[in-house]
Amino acid sequence: MRKFLIMFFAVLLMGALCVSCESCQGNKKAQPAPVGEEAVAELNVDNLIAMDKQEMYINYGGDYRWFETCILLENYLDEENDGAIAGVSNVFQVVTEYEGGKTFDVNVVLYSHTKTAYDKEVKDAFWVGDYPMNDEVVKIDYKKAYDLVMAVNMPKPHSKHVVLRKEIGPVEANPQYIFGNQYAQIYVDAVTGEVSDTNPAFKGFELKMPLGEWP
């Protein structure tokens, strides 16, 4: 889970949220969570995705790309936890044309949510490493993916991070919920529910090196 470009999540509880992203600098304007907004207060992942997609449509029209949803858990996966969420961030990209298409701006739009705050950042940048998920049918929601990870007989990564993404790799794969960090991951197929400890986008292309030959 690596990414060559930008990152987000400078809300207090959410530094270094996604294992696939890196922190970036920029101006942002934190806003209190909308009063009475149940979807934000409950940090329901599906509701927040739908809400941020609607916000993108209202502000930029329908020609945007949804690249990632990142989830920060309240507790580590390998310790006592119930899947409770501390924060959610959604990553989009939009291209705005000017002068009849002669010039254009490319912006990454980052929406972050905690139980007490809502934050939006707009970056002058390209997002790389993922396919857009606009047209993907995500059948497995976060709660189901979490339950599948907890039920499988695999060591749980010492991490609070989960990211939903469709990574670009030599093998085209469905979007995956990726639980973990740079050292260990568990993948849940967001369409079939299949659980694996290897990256489906690189299946058959894993780095293999005999012991004693690591740099």
C-alpha atoms as a PDB file:
ATOM      1  CA  MET A   1       0.000   0.000   0.000  1.00  0.00           C
ATOM      2  CA  ARG A   2       2.106   2.773  -1.240  1.00  0.00           C
ATOM      3  CA  LYS A   3       1.420   6.045  -2.883  1.00  0.00           C
ATOM      4  CA  PHE A   4       3.710   8.512  -4.554  1.00  0.00           C
ATOM      5  CA  LEU A   5       1.687  11.636  -4.017  1.00  0.00           C
ATOM      6  CA  ILE A   6      -0.250  13.742  -1.558  1.00  0.00           C
ATOM      7  CA  MET A   7      -2.147  13.019   1.577  1.00  0.00           C
ATOM      8  CA  PHE A   8      -4.522  14.516   3.921  1.00  0.00           C
ATOM      9  CA  PHE A   9      -6.104  14.252   7.318  1.00  0.00           C
ATOM     10  CA  ALA A  10      -4.765  17.035   9.463  1.00  0.00           C
ATOM     11  CA  VAL A  11      -7.744  16.913  11.802  1.00  0.00           C
ATOM     12  CA  LEU A  12      -6.470  16.335  15.364  1.00  0.00           C
ATOM     13  CA  LEU A  13      -7.256  12.645  15.611  1.00  0.00           C
ATOM     14  CA  MET A  14      -6.311  11.848  12.049  1.00  0.00           C
ATOM     15  CA  GLY A  15      -2.646  12.383  11.330  1.00  0.00           C
ATOM     16  CA  ALA A  16      -1.274   9.748   8.989  1.00  0.00           C
ATOM     17  CA  LEU A  17      -4.669   8.160   8.397  1.00  0.00           C
ATOM     18  CA  CYS A  18      -4.143   6.161   5.217  1.00  0.00           C
ATOM     19  CA  VAL A  19      -1.396   3.614   4.803  1.00  0.00           C
ATOM     20  CA  SER A  20      -1.416   4.443   1.100  1.00  0.00           C
ATOM     21  CA  CYS A  21      -0.910   8.192   1.359  1.00  0.00           C
ATOM     22  CA  GLU A  22       1.564  10.776   2.565  1.00  0.00           C
ATOM     23  CA  SER A  23       0.947  14.037   4.370  1.00  0.00           C
ATOM     24  CA  CYS A  24       0.738  17.198   2.350  1.00  0.00           C
ATOM     25  CA  GLN A  25       0.655  20.870   3.223  1.00  0.00           C
ATOM     26  CA  GLY A  26      -2.041  23.361   2.297  1.00  0.00           C
ATOM     27  CA  ASN A  27      -4.612  25.788   3.534  1.00  0.00           C
ATOM     28  CA  LYS A  28      -7.734  24.347   5.037  1.00  0.00           C
ATOM     29  CA  LYS A  29     -10.749  25.620   6.849  1.00  0.00           C
ATOM     30  CA  ALA A  30     -12.115  23.363   9.543  1.00  0.00           C
ATOM     31  CA  GLN A  31     -15.826  23.522  10.110  1.00  0.00           C
ATOM     32  CA  PRO A  32     -17.958  22.152  12.955  1.00  0.00           C
ATOM     33  CA  ALA A  33     -20.039  19.125  12.114  1.00  0.00           C
ATOM     34  CA  PRO A  34     -23.441  20.205  10.776  1.00  0.00           C
ATOM     35  CA  VAL A  35     -25.962  20.464  13.607  1.00  0.00           C
ATOM     36  CA  GLY A  36     -28.289  17.477  13.599  1.00  0.00           C
ATOM     37  CA  GLU A  37     -26.352  15.749  10.798  1.00  0.00           C
ATOM     38  CA  GLU A  38     -26.782  12.163  11.901  1.00  0.00           C
ATOM     39  CA  ALA A  39     -24.501  10.696   9.201  1.00  0.00           C
ATOM     40  CA  VAL A  40     -21.553  12.729  10.473  1.00  0.00           C
ATOM     41  CA  ALA A  41     -22.271  12.209  14.153  1.00  0.00           C
ATOM     42  CA  GLU A  42     -22.412   8.445  13.677  1.00  0.00           C
ATOM     43  CA  LEU A  43     -19.442   8.262  11.282  1.00  0.00           C
ATOM     44  CA  ASN A  44     -21.266   5.797   9.073  1.00  0.00           C
ATOM     45  CA  VAL A  45     -18.862   5.068   6.213  1.00  0.00           C
ATOM     46  CA  ASP A  46     -21.482   4.444   3.532  1.00  0.00           C
ATOM     47  CA  ASN A  47     -23.441   7.560   4.475  1.00  0.00           C
ATOM     48  CA  LEU A  48     -20.312   9.709   4.455  1.00  0.00           C
ATOM     49  CA  ILE A  49     -19.305   8.433   1.018  1.00  0.00           C
ATOM     50  CA  ALA A  50     -22.771   9.233  -0.331  1.00  0.00           C
ATOM     51  CA  MET A  51     -22.810  12.641   1.362  1.00  0.00           C
ATOM     52  CA  ASP A  52     -19.392  13.638  -0.004  1.00  0.00           C
ATOM     53  CA  LYS A  53     -20.311  12.410  -3.491  1.00  0.00           C
ATOM     54  CA  GLN A  54     -23.388  14.614  -3.359  1.00  0.00           C
ATOM     55  CA  GLU A  55     -21.245  17.537  -2.212  1.00  0.00           C
ATOM     56  CA  MET A  56     -18.883  16.944  -5.154  1.00  0.00           C
ATOM     57  CA  TYR A  57     -21.811  16.877  -7.574  1.00  0.00           C
ATOM     58  CA  ILE A  58     -23.253  20.087  -6.184  1.00  0.00           C
ATOM     59  CA  ASN A  59     -19.920  21.923  -6.309  1.00  0.00           C
ATOM     60  CA  TYR A  60     -18.289  20.445  -9.412  1.00  0.00           C
ATOM     61  CA  GLY A  61     -20.922  18.573 -11.412  1.00  0.00           C
ATOM     62  CA  GLY A  62     -20.885  14.901 -12.265  1.00  0.00           C
ATOM     63  CA  ASP A  63     -17.463  14.697 -13.933  1.00  0.00           C
ATOM     64  CA  TYR A  64     -15.372  13.895 -10.877  1.00  0.00           C
ATOM     65  CA  ARG A  65     -13.385  10.838  -9.777  1.00  0.00           C
ATOM     66  CA  TRP A  66     -13.698   9.049  -6.446  1.00  0.00           C
ATOM     67  CA  PHE A  67     -10.380   7.415  -5.588  1.00  0.00           C
ATOM     68  CA  GLU A  68     -10.257   6.421  -1.927  1.00  0.00           C
ATOM     69  CA  THR A  69     -12.106   6.210   1.347  1.00  0.00           C
ATOM     70  CA  CYS A  70      -9.868   6.063   4.413  1.00  0.00           C
ATOM     71  CA  ILE A  71     -10.996   5.001   7.857  1.00  0.00           C
ATOM     72  CA  LEU A  72      -9.265   5.558  11.180  1.00  0.00           C
ATOM     73  CA  LEU A  73     -10.284   3.142  13.917  1.00  0.00           C
ATOM     74  CA  GLU A  74     -10.445   4.051  17.577  1.00  0.00           C
ATOM     75  CA  ASN A  75      -8.376   1.012  18.580  1.00  0.00           C
ATOM     76  CA  TYR A  76      -5.709  -1.231  17.052  1.00  0.00           C
ATOM     77  CA  LEU A  77      -6.817  -4.256  15.055  1.00  0.00           C
ATOM     78  CA  ASP A  78      -4.652  -6.658  17.089  1.00  0.00           C
ATOM     79  CA  GLU A  79      -5.990  -5.394  20.405  1.00  0.00           C
ATOM     80  CA  GLU A  80      -9.446  -5.352  21.913  1.00  0.00           C
ATOM     81  CA  ASN A  81     -11.687  -3.403  19.555  1.00  0.00           C
ATOM     82  CA  ASP A  82     -15.174  -3.452  18.103  1.00  0.00           C
ATOM     83  CA  GLY A  83     -14.528  -1.667  14.820  1.00  0.00           C
ATOM     84  CA  ALA A  84     -15.525   1.737  16.187  1.00  0.00           C
ATOM     85  CA  ILE A  85     -14.467   4.595  13.924  1.00  0.00           C
ATOM     86  CA  ALA A  86     -12.585   7.763  14.935  1.00  0.00           C
ATOM     87  CA  GLY A  87     -12.547   9.377  11.491  1.00  0.00           C
ATOM     88  CA  VAL A  88     -13.328   8.988   7.792  1.00  0.00           C
ATOM     89  CA  SER A  89     -11.832  10.757   4.779  1.00  0.00           C
ATOM     90  CA  ASN A  90     -12.883  10.623   1.119  1.00  0.00           C
ATOM     91  CA  VAL A  91     -10.554  11.481  -1.763  1.00  0.00           C
ATOM     92  CA  PHE A  92     -11.797  12.888  -5.094  1.00  0.00           C
ATOM     93  CA  GLN A  93     -10.281  14.517  -8.157  1.00  0.00           C
ATOM     94  CA  VAL A  94     -11.871  17.034 -10.519  1.00  0.00           C
ATOM     95  CA  VAL A  95     -10.707  18.723 -13.714  1.00  0.00           C
ATOM     96  CA  THR A  96     -11.977  22.243 -14.432  1.00  0.00           C
ATOM     97  CA  GLU A  97     -11.631  23.534 -17.990  1.00  0.00           C
ATOM     98  CA  TYR A  98     -11.256  27.167 -19.023  1.00  0.00           C
ATOM     99  CA  GLU A  99     -11.281  29.030 -22.331  1.00  0.00           C
ATOM    100  CA  GLY A 100     -13.101  26.285 -24.154  1.00  0.00           C
ATOM    101  CA  GLY A 101     -10.737  23.583 -23.019  1.00  0.00           C
ATOM    102  CA  LYS A 102      -7.523  25.443 -23.797  1.00  0.00           C
ATOM    103  CA  THR A 103      -6.500  25.470 -20.160  1.00  0.00           C
ATOM    104  CA  PHE A 104      -7.547  23.460 -17.151  1.00  0.00           C
ATOM    105  CA  ASP A 105      -6.969  22.960 -13.444  1.00  0.00           C
ATOM    106  CA  VAL A 106      -6.658  19.570 -11.756  1.00  0.00           C
ATOM    107  CA  ASN A 107      -7.622  19.501  -8.101  1.00  0.00           C
ATOM    108  CA  VAL A 108      -7.710  16.807  -5.466  1.00  0.00           C
ATOM    109  CA  VAL A 109     -10.599  17.387  -3.060  1.00  0.00           C
ATOM    110  CA  LEU A 110     -10.316  15.852   0.398  1.00  0.00           C
ATOM    111  CA  TYR A 111     -13.263  15.573   2.788  1.00  0.00           C
ATOM    112  CA  SER A 112     -12.495  14.551   6.374  1.00  0.00           C
ATOM    113  CA  HIS A 113     -14.932  13.748   9.151  1.00  0.00           C
ATOM    114  CA  THR A 114     -14.648  13.143  12.869  1.00  0.00           C
ATOM    115  CA  LYS A 115     -17.426  13.052  15.438  1.00  0.00           C
ATOM    116  CA  THR A 116     -16.923  16.746  16.141  1.00  0.00           C
ATOM    117  CA  ALA A 117     -15.538  18.287  12.934  1.00  0.00           C
ATOM    118  CA  TYR A 118     -15.893  18.405   9.165  1.00  0.00           C
ATOM    119  CA  ASP A 119     -12.999  19.476   6.969  1.00  0.00           C
ATOM    120  CA  LYS A 120     -12.524  20.113   3.262  1.00  0.00           C
ATOM    121  CA  GLU A 121      -9.214  20.674   1.479  1.00  0.00           C
ATOM    122  CA  VAL A 122      -8.610  21.405  -2.196  1.00  0.00           C
ATOM    123  CA  LYS A 123      -5.127  20.656  -3.555  1.00  0.00           C
ATOM    124  CA  ASP A 124      -3.607  21.644  -6.898  1.00  0.00           C
ATOM    125  CA  ALA A 125      -2.376  18.141  -7.679  1.00  0.00           C
ATOM    126  CA  PHE A 126      -2.954  14.851  -9.490  1.00  0.00           C
ATOM    127  CA  TRP A 127      -3.955  11.696  -7.636  1.00  0.00           C
ATOM    128  CA  VAL A 128      -1.978   8.615  -8.682  1.00  0.00           C
ATOM    129  CA  GLY A 129      -1.894   4.921  -7.861  1.00  0.00           C
ATOM    130  CA  ASP A 130      -5.631   4.189  -7.991  1.00  0.00           C
ATOM    131  CA  TYR A 131      -8.362   3.573 -10.526  1.00  0.00           C
ATOM    132  CA  PRO A 132     -11.506   5.681  -9.989  1.00  0.00           C
ATOM    133  CA  MET A 133     -14.312   3.795  -8.249  1.00  0.00           C
ATOM    134  CA  ASN A 134     -17.276   5.825  -9.557  1.00  0.00           C
ATOM    135  CA  ASP A 135     -18.657   2.947 -11.606  1.00  0.00           C
ATOM    136  CA  GLU A 136     -17.651   0.137  -9.258  1.00  0.00           C
ATOM    137  CA  VAL A 137     -20.393  -1.783  -7.473  1.00  0.00           C
ATOM    138  CA  VAL A 138     -19.206  -2.013  -3.867  1.00  0.00           C
ATOM    139  CA  LYS A 139     -21.308  -4.810  -2.382  1.00  0.00           C
ATOM    140  CA  ILE A 140     -19.421  -5.243   0.894  1.00  0.00           C
ATOM    141  CA  ASP A 141     -19.775  -2.382   3.338  1.00  0.00           C
ATOM    142  CA  TYR A 142     -17.177  -1.458   5.963  1.00  0.00           C
ATOM    143  CA  LYS A 143     -18.937  -3.290   8.820  1.00  0.00           C
ATOM    144  CA  LYS A 144     -19.100  -6.523   6.818  1.00  0.00           C
ATOM    145  CA  ALA A 145     -15.456  -6.151   5.770  1.00  0.00           C
ATOM    146  CA  TYR A 146     -14.430  -5.612   9.393  1.00  0.00           C
ATOM    147  CA  ASP A 147     -16.374  -8.685  10.522  1.00  0.00           C
ATOM    148  CA  LEU A 148     -14.702 -10.777   7.813  1.00  0.00           C
ATOM    149  CA  VAL A 149     -11.250  -9.640   8.932  1.00  0.00           C
ATOM    150  CA  MET A 150     -11.985 -10.394  12.567  1.00  0.00           C
ATOM    151  CA  ALA A 151     -13.346 -13.838  11.706  1.00  0.00           C
ATOM    152  CA  VAL A 152     -10.478 -14.980   9.494  1.00  0.00           C
ATOM    153  CA  ASN A 153      -7.622 -16.977  11.010  1.00  0.00           C
ATOM    154  CA  MET A 154      -4.858 -14.495  10.159  1.00  0.00           C
ATOM    155  CA  PRO A 155      -2.638 -12.372  12.420  1.00  0.00           C
ATOM    156  CA  LYS A 156      -4.147  -8.914  12.689  1.00  0.00           C
ATOM    157  CA  PRO A 157      -1.855  -5.988  11.803  1.00  0.00           C
ATOM    158  CA  HIS A 158      -0.946  -3.570  14.577  1.00  0.00           C
ATOM    159  CA  SER A 159      -2.771  -0.727  12.916  1.00  0.00           C
ATOM    160  CA  LYS A 160      -5.829   1.502  13.186  1.00  0.00           C
ATOM    161  CA  HIS A 161      -6.018   2.162   9.440  1.00  0.00           C
ATOM    162  CA  VAL A 162      -8.345   0.930   6.705  1.00  0.00           C
ATOM    163  CA  VAL A 163      -8.522   2.169   3.118  1.00  0.00           C
ATOM    164  CA  LEU A 164     -11.006   1.345   0.379  1.00  0.00           C
ATOM    165  CA  ARG A 165      -9.287   1.677  -3.011  1.00  0.00           C
ATOM    166  CA  LYS A 166      -8.820   0.049  -6.398  1.00  0.00           C
ATOM    167  CA  GLU A 167      -5.071  -0.005  -6.721  1.00  0.00           C
ATOM    168  CA  ILE A 168      -3.343   0.154 -10.095  1.00  0.00           C
ATOM    169  CA  GLY A 169      -1.202  -2.936 -10.581  1.00  0.00           C
ATOM    170  CA  PRO A 170      -0.232  -5.605 -13.108  1.00  0.00           C
ATOM    171  CA  VAL A 171      -3.460  -7.489 -12.309  1.00  0.00           C
ATOM    172  CA  GLU A 172      -6.809  -5.682 -12.450  1.00  0.00           C
ATOM    173  CA  ALA A 173      -8.713  -6.437  -9.266  1.00  0.00           C
ATOM    174  CA  ASN A 174     -11.904  -5.319  -7.592  1.00  0.00           C
ATOM    175  CA  PRO A 175     -11.800  -2.492  -5.063  1.00  0.00           C
ATOM    176  CA  GLN A 176     -10.357  -3.720  -1.779  1.00  0.00           C
ATOM    177  CA  TYR A 177     -10.734  -2.803   1.865  1.00  0.00           C
ATOM    178  CA  ILE A 178      -7.140  -2.853   3.081  1.00  0.00           C
ATOM    179  CA  PHE A 179      -6.644  -3.239   6.816  1.00  0.00           C
ATOM    180  CA  GLY A 180      -3.147  -2.601   8.091  1.00  0.00           C
ATOM    181  CA  ASN A 181       0.041  -0.653   7.488  1.00  0.00           C
ATOM    182  CA  GLN A 182       3.192  -0.842   5.379  1.00  0.00           C
ATOM    183  CA  TYR A 183       4.361  -3.947   7.238  1.00  0.00           C
ATOM    184  CA  ALA A 184       1.244  -6.143   7.176  1.00  0.00           C
ATOM    185  CA  GLN A 185      -2.128  -6.006   5.469  1.00  0.00           C
ATOM    186  CA  ILE A 186      -5.358  -7.937   5.165  1.00  0.00           C
ATOM    187  CA  TYR A 187      -7.367  -7.404   1.965  1.00  0.00           C
ATOM    188  CA  VAL A 188     -11.140  -7.797   1.682  1.00  0.00           C
ATOM    189  CA  ASP A 189     -12.620  -7.812  -1.814  1.00  0.00           C
ATOM    190  CA  ALA A 190     -15.353  -5.154  -1.782  1.00  0.00           C
ATOM    191  CA  VAL A 191     -17.395  -7.104  -4.346  1.00  0.00           C
ATOM    192  CA  THR A 192     -16.967 -10.777  -3.412  1.00  0.00           C
ATOM    193  CA  GLY A 193     -15.923 -10.563   0.244  1.00  0.00           C
ATOM    194  CA  GLU A 194     -12.843 -12.730  -0.377  1.00  0.00           C
ATOM    195  CA  VAL A 195     -10.165 -12.225   2.291  1.00  0.00           C
ATOM    196  CA  SER A 196      -6.438 -12.420   1.560  1.00  0.00           C
ATOM    197  CA  ASP A 197      -3.123 -11.404   3.079  1.00  0.00           C
ATOM    198  CA  THR A 198      -1.650 -10.647  -0.364  1.00  0.00           C
ATOM    199  CA  ASN A 199      -2.473  -7.763  -2.683  1.00  0.00           C
ATOM    200  CA  PRO A 200      -4.836  -8.970  -5.453  1.00  0.00           C
ATOM    201  CA  ALA A 201      -3.579  -6.189  -7.762  1.00  0.00           C
ATOM    202  CA  PHE A 202      -0.109  -7.786  -7.590  1.00  0.00           C
ATOM    203  CA  LYS A 203      -1.117 -11.442  -7.381  1.00  0.00           C
ATOM    204  CA  GLY A 204       1.673 -13.522  -8.887  1.00  0.00           C
ATOM    205  CA  PHE A 205       3.990 -10.519  -8.933  1.00  0.00           C
ATOM    206  CA  GLU A 206       4.953 -10.448  -5.250  1.00  0.00           C
ATOM    207  CA  LEU A 207       8.552  -9.571  -4.523  1.00  0.00           C
ATOM    208  CA  LYS A 208      10.396 -12.789  -3.725  1.00  0.00           C
ATOM    209  CA  MET A 209      13.927 -12.771  -2.383  1.00  0.00           C
ATOM    210  CA  PRO A 210      15.812 -15.543  -0.538  1.00  0.00           C
ATOM    211  CA  LEU A 211      16.563 -14.982   3.107  1.00  0.00           C
ATOM    212  CA  GLY A 212      19.864 -13.231   3.603  1.00  0.00           C
ATOM    213  CA  GLU A 213      19.645 -11.302   0.332  1.00  0.00           C
ATOM    214  CA  TRP A 214      17.569  -8.372   1.506  1.00  0.00           C
ATOM    215  CA  PRO A 215      19.301  -5.030   0.972  1.00  0.00           C
END
